Amino acid sequence: MVQLRKKVFIKEVVATDQLGKSCAPVCRVAALAVIQNPLSGKFSEDLSELFEIGGTLGAELAAEAVSQLDGIPISYGKSAIVGLNGDLEQGGALIHPKLGAPMRAAAGGGEAVIPSNAKLGTPGCAIDLPLGHKDNPWSFDHFDTMTLSIPDAPKPDEIVLCLAYADGGRPIPRCGTGPVKN
């Protein structure tokens, strides 16, 4: 059973590029959950407890994040920050085996691999959560990043689970859409 300390939601609406040129608004929403790491301080071959937490908690966070978007979800991404009494593979266990299905369901499908990132960190450290188009892995216009952090997390025995959705790509993209699929 997951021990949830808190959830944090970050919503940003981008109306200009970094230089101030107006663009069609792009809404990004990240949902973060700070949980007790049940495997903190010990090595374990069996990471299935974290698989289950990722799937169950991920479904709840995904639905809440998508409900806060201004438009329909076009891109998504996921990440985890593991406190220093854990190991990197525990973050992978939380975000990989069972988190993808509920994220795709909340987005109304998704053919592309969900971009991801995991790292070890201390309270307040930031993670760059990668975003990519949910159906077209070659849509360069949708390669994006949200930098996320929580000032008091993760504590050494916690993990911060992060997932995000966007209703558009980068502001004023000009890199093209990648190879054309036949």
N, C-alpha and C. Protein backbone atom coordinates (compact mmCIF):
# COMPACT_ATOMS: atom_id res chain seq x y z
N MET A 1 0.83 -1.18 0.00
CA MET A 1 0.00 0.00 0.00
C MET A 1 0.89 1.25 0.00
N VAL A 2 0.55 2.21 -0.84
CA VAL A 2 1.35 3.42 -0.97
C VAL A 2 1.11 4.36 0.21
N GLN A 3 2.20 4.91 0.72
CA GLN A 3 2.11 5.94 1.75
C GLN A 3 2.40 7.27 1.07
N LEU A 4 1.34 8.00 0.76
CA LEU A 4 1.42 9.28 0.06
C LEU A 4 1.57 10.41 1.07
N ARG A 5 2.64 11.21 0.92
CA ARG A 5 2.81 12.37 1.79
C ARG A 5 2.07 13.58 1.21
N LYS A 6 2.20 13.79 -0.08
CA LYS A 6 1.48 14.91 -0.69
C LYS A 6 1.52 14.81 -2.20
N LYS A 7 0.60 15.56 -2.82
CA LYS A 7 0.56 15.72 -4.27
C LYS A 7 0.74 17.20 -4.57
N VAL A 8 1.41 17.47 -5.69
CA VAL A 8 1.64 18.84 -6.15
C VAL A 8 1.27 18.87 -7.63
N PHE A 9 0.55 19.93 -8.04
CA PHE A 9 0.20 20.11 -9.44
C PHE A 9 0.79 21.43 -9.92
N ILE A 10 1.38 21.39 -11.08
CA ILE A 10 1.97 22.59 -11.68
C ILE A 10 1.33 22.77 -13.05
N LYS A 11 0.71 23.93 -13.23
CA LYS A 11 0.10 24.24 -14.53
C LYS A 11 0.76 25.49 -15.06
N GLU A 12 1.21 25.42 -16.30
CA GLU A 12 1.76 26.61 -16.93
C GLU A 12 1.12 26.76 -18.30
N VAL A 13 0.85 28.01 -18.66
CA VAL A 13 0.31 28.33 -19.97
C VAL A 13 1.30 29.30 -20.61
N VAL A 14 1.90 28.86 -21.70
CA VAL A 14 2.91 29.65 -22.39
C VAL A 14 2.23 30.45 -23.49
N ALA A 15 2.38 31.77 -23.46
CA ALA A 15 1.72 32.65 -24.43
C ALA A 15 2.70 33.35 -25.37
N THR A 16 4.00 33.29 -25.05
CA THR A 16 5.03 33.85 -25.94
C THR A 16 6.24 32.92 -25.89
N ASP A 17 7.10 33.06 -26.88
CA ASP A 17 8.37 32.35 -26.79
C ASP A 17 9.27 33.09 -25.80
N GLN A 18 10.47 32.58 -25.59
CA GLN A 18 11.38 33.18 -24.60
C GLN A 18 11.73 34.63 -24.94
N LEU A 19 11.65 34.98 -26.22
CA LEU A 19 12.02 36.34 -26.65
C LEU A 19 10.81 37.28 -26.69
N GLY A 20 9.62 36.75 -26.32
CA GLY A 20 8.45 37.60 -26.25
C GLY A 20 7.56 37.60 -27.48
N LYS A 21 7.87 36.79 -28.48
CA LYS A 21 7.02 36.70 -29.67
C LYS A 21 5.77 35.88 -29.33
N SER A 22 4.60 36.45 -29.59
CA SER A 22 3.34 35.79 -29.27
C SER A 22 3.19 34.48 -30.02
N CYS A 23 2.52 33.53 -29.37
CA CYS A 23 2.26 32.23 -29.98
C CYS A 23 0.90 31.73 -29.54
N ALA A 24 0.42 30.70 -30.21
CA ALA A 24 -0.80 30.06 -29.73
C ALA A 24 -0.50 29.51 -28.34
N PRO A 25 -1.37 29.72 -27.36
CA PRO A 25 -1.08 29.24 -26.00
C PRO A 25 -0.86 27.73 -25.96
N VAL A 26 0.12 27.34 -25.18
CA VAL A 26 0.41 25.93 -24.93
C VAL A 26 0.27 25.71 -23.43
N CYS A 27 -0.58 24.77 -23.06
CA CYS A 27 -0.79 24.45 -21.65
C CYS A 27 -0.05 23.16 -21.31
N ARG A 28 0.69 23.19 -20.21
CA ARG A 28 1.39 22.01 -19.69
C ARG A 28 0.96 21.83 -18.24
N VAL A 29 0.66 20.59 -17.88
CA VAL A 29 0.29 20.28 -16.49
C VAL A 29 1.13 19.10 -16.02
N ALA A 30 1.78 19.29 -14.88
CA ALA A 30 2.54 18.21 -14.24
C ALA A 30 1.87 17.83 -12.93
N ALA A 31 1.81 16.54 -12.67
CA ALA A 31 1.31 16.02 -11.40
C ALA A 31 2.47 15.29 -10.72
N LEU A 32 2.74 15.66 -9.47
CA LEU A 32 3.84 15.07 -8.71
C LEU A 32 3.28 14.48 -7.43
N ALA A 33 3.77 13.31 -7.05
CA ALA A 33 3.36 12.68 -5.80
C ALA A 33 4.61 12.31 -5.02
N VAL A 34 4.61 12.66 -3.75
CA VAL A 34 5.71 12.31 -2.85
C VAL A 34 5.26 11.11 -2.04
N ILE A 35 5.97 9.99 -2.22
CA ILE A 35 5.59 8.76 -1.53
C ILE A 35 6.75 8.21 -0.71
N GLN A 36 6.40 7.44 0.30
CA GLN A 36 7.38 6.69 1.07
C GLN A 36 7.92 5.59 0.16
N ASN A 37 9.23 5.44 0.08
CA ASN A 37 9.83 4.36 -0.71
C ASN A 37 9.81 3.08 0.14
N PRO A 38 8.99 2.09 -0.23
CA PRO A 38 8.90 0.88 0.58
C PRO A 38 10.18 0.04 0.57
N LEU A 39 11.08 0.33 -0.36
CA LEU A 39 12.34 -0.42 -0.46
C LEU A 39 13.54 0.40 -0.03
N SER A 40 13.28 1.52 0.61
CA SER A 40 14.36 2.41 1.04
C SER A 40 15.36 1.68 1.93
N GLY A 41 16.64 1.90 1.67
CA GLY A 41 17.70 1.38 2.52
C GLY A 41 18.04 -0.07 2.31
N LYS A 42 17.43 -0.71 1.31
CA LYS A 42 17.76 -2.12 1.09
C LYS A 42 17.74 -2.44 -0.40
N PHE A 43 18.60 -3.38 -0.78
CA PHE A 43 18.60 -3.88 -2.14
C PHE A 43 17.55 -4.97 -2.25
N SER A 44 16.81 -4.95 -3.34
CA SER A 44 15.80 -5.99 -3.57
C SER A 44 15.77 -6.36 -5.04
N GLU A 45 15.81 -7.65 -5.32
CA GLU A 45 15.62 -8.13 -6.69
C GLU A 45 14.17 -7.93 -7.14
N ASP A 46 13.25 -8.04 -6.20
CA ASP A 46 11.82 -7.96 -6.49
C ASP A 46 11.34 -6.52 -6.31
N LEU A 47 11.07 -5.87 -7.43
CA LEU A 47 10.60 -4.48 -7.41
C LEU A 47 9.10 -4.37 -7.70
N SER A 48 8.40 -5.49 -7.66
CA SER A 48 6.99 -5.52 -8.08
C SER A 48 6.10 -4.61 -7.24
N GLU A 49 6.45 -4.38 -5.98
CA GLU A 49 5.64 -3.47 -5.17
C GLU A 49 5.63 -2.06 -5.78
N LEU A 50 6.79 -1.64 -6.31
CA LEU A 50 6.86 -0.33 -6.97
C LEU A 50 6.14 -0.35 -8.31
N PHE A 51 6.16 -1.47 -9.02
CA PHE A 51 5.40 -1.58 -10.28
C PHE A 51 3.93 -1.26 -10.01
N GLU A 52 3.39 -1.90 -8.96
CA GLU A 52 1.97 -1.74 -8.64
C GLU A 52 1.65 -0.30 -8.21
N ILE A 53 2.52 0.28 -7.41
CA ILE A 53 2.31 1.68 -6.98
C ILE A 53 2.29 2.59 -8.20
N GLY A 54 3.23 2.40 -9.12
CA GLY A 54 3.27 3.23 -10.33
C GLY A 54 1.98 3.15 -11.12
N GLY A 55 1.44 1.94 -11.28
CA GLY A 55 0.20 1.78 -12.04
C GLY A 55 -1.00 2.39 -11.35
N THR A 56 -1.13 2.13 -10.06
CA THR A 56 -2.30 2.60 -9.32
C THR A 56 -2.26 4.11 -9.10
N LEU A 57 -1.15 4.62 -8.55
CA LEU A 57 -1.03 6.05 -8.31
C LEU A 57 -0.98 6.82 -9.62
N GLY A 58 -0.34 6.23 -10.62
CA GLY A 58 -0.25 6.88 -11.93
C GLY A 58 -1.61 7.12 -12.56
N ALA A 59 -2.52 6.17 -12.41
CA ALA A 59 -3.86 6.34 -12.98
C ALA A 59 -4.56 7.55 -12.36
N GLU A 60 -4.44 7.69 -11.05
CA GLU A 60 -5.06 8.82 -10.35
C GLU A 60 -4.43 10.15 -10.78
N LEU A 61 -3.09 10.19 -10.79
CA LEU A 61 -2.40 11.43 -11.16
C LEU A 61 -2.66 11.81 -12.61
N ALA A 62 -2.66 10.82 -13.50
CA ALA A 62 -2.88 11.10 -14.92
C ALA A 62 -4.25 11.72 -15.15
N ALA A 63 -5.27 11.14 -14.54
CA ALA A 63 -6.62 11.68 -14.70
C ALA A 63 -6.71 13.11 -14.18
N GLU A 64 -6.09 13.37 -13.03
CA GLU A 64 -6.12 14.72 -12.47
C GLU A 64 -5.36 15.72 -13.34
N ALA A 65 -4.22 15.30 -13.88
CA ALA A 65 -3.42 16.20 -14.72
C ALA A 65 -4.17 16.54 -16.01
N VAL A 66 -4.70 15.53 -16.67
CA VAL A 66 -5.42 15.76 -17.93
C VAL A 66 -6.64 16.65 -17.71
N SER A 67 -7.29 16.49 -16.57
CA SER A 67 -8.49 17.32 -16.30
C SER A 67 -8.13 18.80 -16.16
N GLN A 68 -6.88 19.11 -15.86
CA GLN A 68 -6.46 20.51 -15.69
C GLN A 68 -5.92 21.14 -16.98
N LEU A 69 -5.73 20.33 -18.02
CA LEU A 69 -5.26 20.89 -19.30
C LEU A 69 -6.32 21.79 -19.91
N ASP A 70 -5.91 22.79 -20.66
CA ASP A 70 -6.85 23.66 -21.35
C ASP A 70 -7.39 23.02 -22.62
N GLY A 71 -6.63 22.12 -23.23
CA GLY A 71 -7.03 21.44 -24.46
C GLY A 71 -6.87 19.94 -24.29
N ILE A 72 -6.91 19.22 -25.41
CA ILE A 72 -6.74 17.77 -25.35
C ILE A 72 -5.25 17.43 -25.25
N PRO A 73 -4.92 16.33 -24.56
CA PRO A 73 -3.51 15.97 -24.42
C PRO A 73 -2.90 15.56 -25.76
N ILE A 74 -1.79 16.18 -26.10
CA ILE A 74 -1.07 15.89 -27.33
C ILE A 74 0.28 15.24 -27.03
N SER A 75 0.90 15.64 -25.92
CA SER A 75 2.19 15.06 -25.56
C SER A 75 2.21 14.71 -24.08
N TYR A 76 3.18 13.85 -23.74
CA TYR A 76 3.28 13.39 -22.36
C TYR A 76 4.70 13.00 -22.02
N GLY A 77 4.94 12.81 -20.71
CA GLY A 77 6.24 12.37 -20.23
C GLY A 77 6.13 11.98 -18.76
N LYS A 78 7.17 11.30 -18.25
CA LYS A 78 7.16 10.84 -16.87
C LYS A 78 8.58 10.82 -16.32
N SER A 79 8.69 10.94 -14.99
CA SER A 79 10.01 10.89 -14.36
C SER A 79 9.86 10.56 -12.88
N ALA A 80 11.00 10.28 -12.25
CA ALA A 80 11.01 10.00 -10.81
C ALA A 80 12.32 10.50 -10.21
N ILE A 81 12.21 11.03 -9.00
CA ILE A 81 13.39 11.40 -8.22
C ILE A 81 13.39 10.50 -6.99
N VAL A 82 14.44 9.72 -6.84
CA VAL A 82 14.55 8.78 -5.72
C VAL A 82 15.45 9.39 -4.66
N GLY A 83 14.98 9.40 -3.41
CA GLY A 83 15.78 9.88 -2.30
C GLY A 83 17.03 9.02 -2.12
N LEU A 84 18.02 9.57 -1.43
CA LEU A 84 19.35 8.95 -1.38
C LEU A 84 19.43 7.62 -0.64
N ASN A 85 18.40 7.21 0.08
CA ASN A 85 18.41 5.88 0.68
C ASN A 85 17.84 4.82 -0.26
N GLY A 86 17.49 5.23 -1.47
CA GLY A 86 16.99 4.31 -2.47
C GLY A 86 18.02 4.12 -3.56
N ASP A 87 17.61 3.41 -4.62
CA ASP A 87 18.51 3.28 -5.76
C ASP A 87 17.77 3.61 -7.05
N LEU A 88 18.52 3.94 -8.07
CA LEU A 88 17.96 4.41 -9.33
C LEU A 88 16.94 3.44 -9.92
N GLU A 89 17.20 2.16 -9.80
CA GLU A 89 16.29 1.16 -10.37
C GLU A 89 14.91 1.21 -9.72
N GLN A 90 14.84 1.67 -8.49
CA GLN A 90 13.54 1.82 -7.83
C GLN A 90 12.71 2.90 -8.52
N GLY A 91 13.35 3.96 -8.99
CA GLY A 91 12.64 4.97 -9.78
C GLY A 91 12.16 4.40 -11.09
N GLY A 92 13.02 3.61 -11.75
CA GLY A 92 12.61 2.96 -12.99
C GLY A 92 11.43 2.03 -12.78
N ALA A 93 11.44 1.31 -11.67
CA ALA A 93 10.34 0.39 -11.37
C ALA A 93 9.02 1.14 -11.18
N LEU A 94 9.08 2.32 -10.64
CA LEU A 94 7.88 3.12 -10.42
C LEU A 94 7.31 3.65 -11.73
N ILE A 95 8.17 4.03 -12.68
CA ILE A 95 7.67 4.70 -13.89
C ILE A 95 7.56 3.81 -15.13
N HIS A 96 8.13 2.61 -15.11
CA HIS A 96 8.11 1.85 -16.37
C HIS A 96 7.06 0.75 -16.51
N PRO A 97 7.10 -0.31 -15.76
CA PRO A 97 6.26 -1.45 -16.15
C PRO A 97 4.76 -1.19 -16.19
N LYS A 98 4.22 -0.39 -15.26
CA LYS A 98 2.76 -0.27 -15.18
C LYS A 98 2.22 1.15 -15.26
N LEU A 99 3.07 2.15 -15.39
CA LEU A 99 2.60 3.53 -15.44
C LEU A 99 2.12 3.92 -16.84
N GLY A 100 2.69 3.32 -17.87
CA GLY A 100 2.35 3.71 -19.24
C GLY A 100 0.89 3.51 -19.60
N ALA A 101 0.32 2.38 -19.24
CA ALA A 101 -1.08 2.10 -19.62
C ALA A 101 -2.05 3.15 -19.07
N PRO A 102 -2.00 3.49 -17.77
CA PRO A 102 -2.94 4.52 -17.32
C PRO A 102 -2.66 5.91 -17.90
N MET A 103 -1.39 6.20 -18.21
CA MET A 103 -1.09 7.49 -18.84
C MET A 103 -1.69 7.55 -20.23
N ARG A 104 -1.57 6.46 -21.00
CA ARG A 104 -2.15 6.42 -22.34
C ARG A 104 -3.68 6.50 -22.26
N ALA A 105 -4.27 5.80 -21.32
CA ALA A 105 -5.73 5.83 -21.17
C ALA A 105 -6.21 7.25 -20.89
N ALA A 106 -5.53 7.96 -20.02
CA ALA A 106 -5.93 9.33 -19.69
C ALA A 106 -5.78 10.27 -20.88
N ALA A 107 -4.82 9.95 -21.76
CA ALA A 107 -4.58 10.78 -22.95
C ALA A 107 -5.45 10.37 -24.13
N GLY A 108 -6.28 9.37 -23.96
CA GLY A 108 -7.10 8.90 -25.07
C GLY A 108 -6.32 8.09 -26.07
N GLY A 109 -5.32 7.38 -25.63
CA GLY A 109 -4.48 6.56 -26.50
C GLY A 109 -3.05 7.07 -26.48
N GLY A 110 -2.25 6.51 -27.32
CA GLY A 110 -0.85 6.89 -27.39
C GLY A 110 -0.05 5.78 -28.03
N GLU A 111 0.45 6.03 -29.21
CA GLU A 111 1.23 5.03 -29.95
C GLU A 111 2.72 5.11 -29.63
N ALA A 112 3.18 6.27 -29.23
CA ALA A 112 4.61 6.49 -29.03
C ALA A 112 5.04 6.11 -27.62
N VAL A 113 6.30 5.75 -27.49
CA VAL A 113 6.90 5.50 -26.19
C VAL A 113 6.81 6.79 -25.37
N ILE A 114 6.53 6.66 -24.08
CA ILE A 114 6.44 7.83 -23.21
C ILE A 114 7.85 8.21 -22.77
N PRO A 115 8.32 9.40 -23.14
CA PRO A 115 9.67 9.82 -22.72
C PRO A 115 9.77 9.80 -21.20
N SER A 116 10.95 9.43 -20.70
CA SER A 116 11.08 9.32 -19.25
C SER A 116 12.49 9.64 -18.78
N ASN A 117 12.59 9.82 -17.47
CA ASN A 117 13.86 10.15 -16.84
C ASN A 117 13.74 9.79 -15.37
N ALA A 118 14.82 9.30 -14.78
CA ALA A 118 14.85 9.03 -13.34
C ALA A 118 16.23 9.41 -12.83
N LYS A 119 16.29 9.81 -11.56
CA LYS A 119 17.56 10.17 -10.95
C LYS A 119 17.47 10.05 -9.44
N LEU A 120 18.63 10.04 -8.80
CA LEU A 120 18.71 10.15 -7.35
C LEU A 120 18.80 11.63 -7.01
N GLY A 121 18.21 12.02 -5.87
CA GLY A 121 18.28 13.43 -5.53
C GLY A 121 17.95 13.70 -4.08
N THR A 122 18.21 14.92 -3.70
CA THR A 122 17.96 15.42 -2.35
C THR A 122 16.77 16.38 -2.38
N PRO A 123 16.24 16.76 -1.22
CA PRO A 123 15.10 17.68 -1.23
C PRO A 123 15.37 18.94 -2.05
N GLY A 124 14.41 19.28 -2.89
CA GLY A 124 14.50 20.49 -3.70
C GLY A 124 15.21 20.32 -5.03
N CYS A 125 15.82 19.17 -5.26
CA CYS A 125 16.53 19.02 -6.54
C CYS A 125 15.51 19.02 -7.68
N ALA A 126 15.95 19.45 -8.83
CA ALA A 126 15.08 19.52 -10.01
C ALA A 126 15.31 18.33 -10.91
N ILE A 127 14.28 17.98 -11.65
CA ILE A 127 14.40 16.96 -12.69
C ILE A 127 13.80 17.52 -13.96
N ASP A 128 14.44 17.24 -15.08
CA ASP A 128 13.91 17.64 -16.38
C ASP A 128 13.06 16.50 -16.92
N LEU A 129 11.75 16.70 -16.89
CA LEU A 129 10.81 15.71 -17.39
C LEU A 129 10.65 15.94 -18.89
N PRO A 130 11.03 14.95 -19.72
CA PRO A 130 10.91 15.12 -21.17
C PRO A 130 9.48 14.90 -21.63
N LEU A 131 9.06 15.69 -22.60
CA LEU A 131 7.76 15.53 -23.22
C LEU A 131 7.94 15.15 -24.68
N GLY A 132 7.05 14.32 -25.19
CA GLY A 132 7.05 13.94 -26.59
C GLY A 132 5.63 13.68 -27.05
N HIS A 133 5.40 13.80 -28.35
CA HIS A 133 4.06 13.58 -28.92
C HIS A 133 3.58 12.18 -28.57
N LYS A 134 2.31 12.06 -28.20
CA LYS A 134 1.79 10.78 -27.74
C LYS A 134 1.64 9.75 -28.86
N ASP A 135 1.52 10.18 -30.10
CA ASP A 135 1.33 9.25 -31.20
C ASP A 135 2.48 9.22 -32.21
N ASN A 136 3.19 10.31 -32.35
CA ASN A 136 4.24 10.41 -33.37
C ASN A 136 5.60 10.67 -32.71
N PRO A 137 6.41 9.63 -32.57
CA PRO A 137 7.71 9.82 -31.91
C PRO A 137 8.67 10.70 -32.70
N TRP A 138 8.33 11.00 -33.96
CA TRP A 138 9.20 11.84 -34.79
C TRP A 138 8.72 13.28 -34.88
N SER A 139 7.77 13.67 -34.08
CA SER A 139 7.29 15.05 -34.11
C SER A 139 8.24 15.93 -33.31
N PHE A 140 9.25 16.46 -33.99
CA PHE A 140 10.26 17.29 -33.34
C PHE A 140 9.63 18.49 -32.64
N ASP A 141 8.52 19.00 -33.19
CA ASP A 141 7.85 20.17 -32.60
C ASP A 141 7.36 19.91 -31.18
N HIS A 142 7.21 18.66 -30.82
CA HIS A 142 6.68 18.30 -29.50
C HIS A 142 7.76 17.83 -28.52
N PHE A 143 9.02 17.80 -28.95
CA PHE A 143 10.10 17.50 -28.00
C PHE A 143 10.23 18.71 -27.09
N ASP A 144 9.98 18.52 -25.82
CA ASP A 144 9.94 19.64 -24.89
C ASP A 144 10.36 19.12 -23.51
N THR A 145 10.42 20.03 -22.55
CA THR A 145 10.84 19.68 -21.20
C THR A 145 10.10 20.54 -20.19
N MET A 146 9.74 19.93 -19.08
CA MET A 146 9.29 20.68 -17.90
C MET A 146 10.31 20.40 -16.81
N THR A 147 10.83 21.45 -16.20
CA THR A 147 11.75 21.29 -15.07
C THR A 147 10.92 21.38 -13.80
N LEU A 148 11.00 20.31 -13.00
CA LEU A 148 10.13 20.18 -11.84
C LEU A 148 10.94 19.99 -10.56
N SER A 149 10.42 20.51 -9.46
CA SER A 149 11.02 20.26 -8.15
C SER A 149 10.00 20.54 -7.06
N ILE A 150 10.25 19.96 -5.90
CA ILE A 150 9.45 20.22 -4.71
C ILE A 150 10.45 20.57 -3.62
N PRO A 151 10.32 21.74 -2.98
CA PRO A 151 11.35 22.19 -2.03
C PRO A 151 11.70 21.20 -0.92
N ASP A 152 10.72 20.42 -0.42
CA ASP A 152 11.01 19.52 0.69
C ASP A 152 11.00 18.04 0.32
N ALA A 153 11.22 17.74 -0.94
CA ALA A 153 11.18 16.34 -1.38
C ALA A 153 12.14 16.11 -2.53
N PRO A 154 12.68 14.89 -2.63
CA PRO A 154 12.40 13.75 -1.76
C PRO A 154 13.31 13.73 -0.54
N LYS A 155 12.73 13.32 0.58
CA LYS A 155 13.55 13.00 1.74
C LYS A 155 14.30 11.70 1.39
N PRO A 156 15.32 11.33 2.15
CA PRO A 156 16.11 10.14 1.79
C PRO A 156 15.30 8.86 1.59
N ASP A 157 14.17 8.73 2.28
CA ASP A 157 13.37 7.51 2.18
C ASP A 157 12.10 7.70 1.34
N GLU A 158 12.13 8.66 0.42
CA GLU A 158 10.96 8.95 -0.43
C GLU A 158 11.31 8.86 -1.91
N ILE A 159 10.26 8.84 -2.71
CA ILE A 159 10.37 8.97 -4.16
C ILE A 159 9.34 10.01 -4.59
N VAL A 160 9.73 10.86 -5.53
CA VAL A 160 8.79 11.80 -6.15
C VAL A 160 8.45 11.24 -7.53
N LEU A 161 7.21 10.89 -7.72
CA LEU A 161 6.71 10.43 -9.01
C LEU A 161 6.17 11.64 -9.76
N CYS A 162 6.60 11.82 -11.00
CA CYS A 162 6.18 12.98 -11.81
C CYS A 162 5.62 12.49 -13.14
N LEU A 163 4.53 13.07 -13.57
CA LEU A 163 4.05 12.85 -14.92
C LEU A 163 3.46 14.16 -15.43
N ALA A 164 3.47 14.31 -16.75
CA ALA A 164 3.01 15.58 -17.32
C ALA A 164 2.37 15.36 -18.67
N TYR A 165 1.50 16.29 -19.01
CA TYR A 165 0.82 16.33 -20.31
C TYR A 165 0.87 17.75 -20.83
N ALA A 166 0.82 17.89 -22.15
CA ALA A 166 0.73 19.20 -22.79
C ALA A 166 -0.29 19.12 -23.92
N ASP A 167 -0.93 20.26 -24.18
CA ASP A 167 -1.92 20.30 -25.27
C ASP A 167 -1.34 20.89 -26.55
N GLY A 168 -0.02 21.02 -26.60
CA GLY A 168 0.66 21.52 -27.79
C GLY A 168 2.16 21.28 -27.68
N GLY A 169 2.88 21.70 -28.69
CA GLY A 169 4.33 21.56 -28.69
C GLY A 169 5.02 22.80 -28.16
N ARG A 170 6.26 22.97 -28.53
CA ARG A 170 7.00 24.16 -28.12
C ARG A 170 6.39 25.41 -28.77
N PRO A 171 6.57 26.56 -28.15
CA PRO A 171 6.08 27.80 -28.78
C PRO A 171 6.83 28.07 -30.09
N ILE A 172 6.10 28.36 -31.12
CA ILE A 172 6.64 28.72 -32.43
C ILE A 172 7.73 27.74 -32.89
N PRO A 173 7.40 26.44 -32.99
CA PRO A 173 8.40 25.45 -33.41
C PRO A 173 8.82 25.67 -34.86
N ARG A 174 10.10 25.45 -35.12
CA ARG A 174 10.61 25.66 -36.48
C ARG A 174 11.61 24.58 -36.90
N CYS A 175 11.60 23.44 -36.21
CA CYS A 175 12.56 22.37 -36.51
C CYS A 175 12.00 21.30 -37.41
N GLY A 176 10.72 21.36 -37.73
CA GLY A 176 10.14 20.34 -38.60
C GLY A 176 9.51 19.21 -37.81
N THR A 177 8.90 18.30 -38.52
CA THR A 177 8.19 17.21 -37.87
C THR A 177 8.91 15.89 -37.98
N GLY A 178 10.09 15.84 -38.53
CA GLY A 178 10.83 14.59 -38.63
C GLY A 178 10.46 13.81 -39.87
N PRO A 179 10.96 12.58 -39.96
CA PRO A 179 10.71 11.76 -41.14
C PRO A 179 9.21 11.52 -41.36
N VAL A 180 8.82 11.46 -42.62
CA VAL A 180 7.44 11.19 -42.97
C VAL A 180 7.25 9.68 -42.96
N LYS A 181 6.19 9.23 -42.28
CA LYS A 181 5.87 7.80 -42.23
C LYS A 181 5.11 7.42 -43.50
N ASN A 182 5.45 6.30 -44.10
CA ASN A 182 4.72 5.80 -45.28
C ASN A 182 3.76 4.72 -44.89
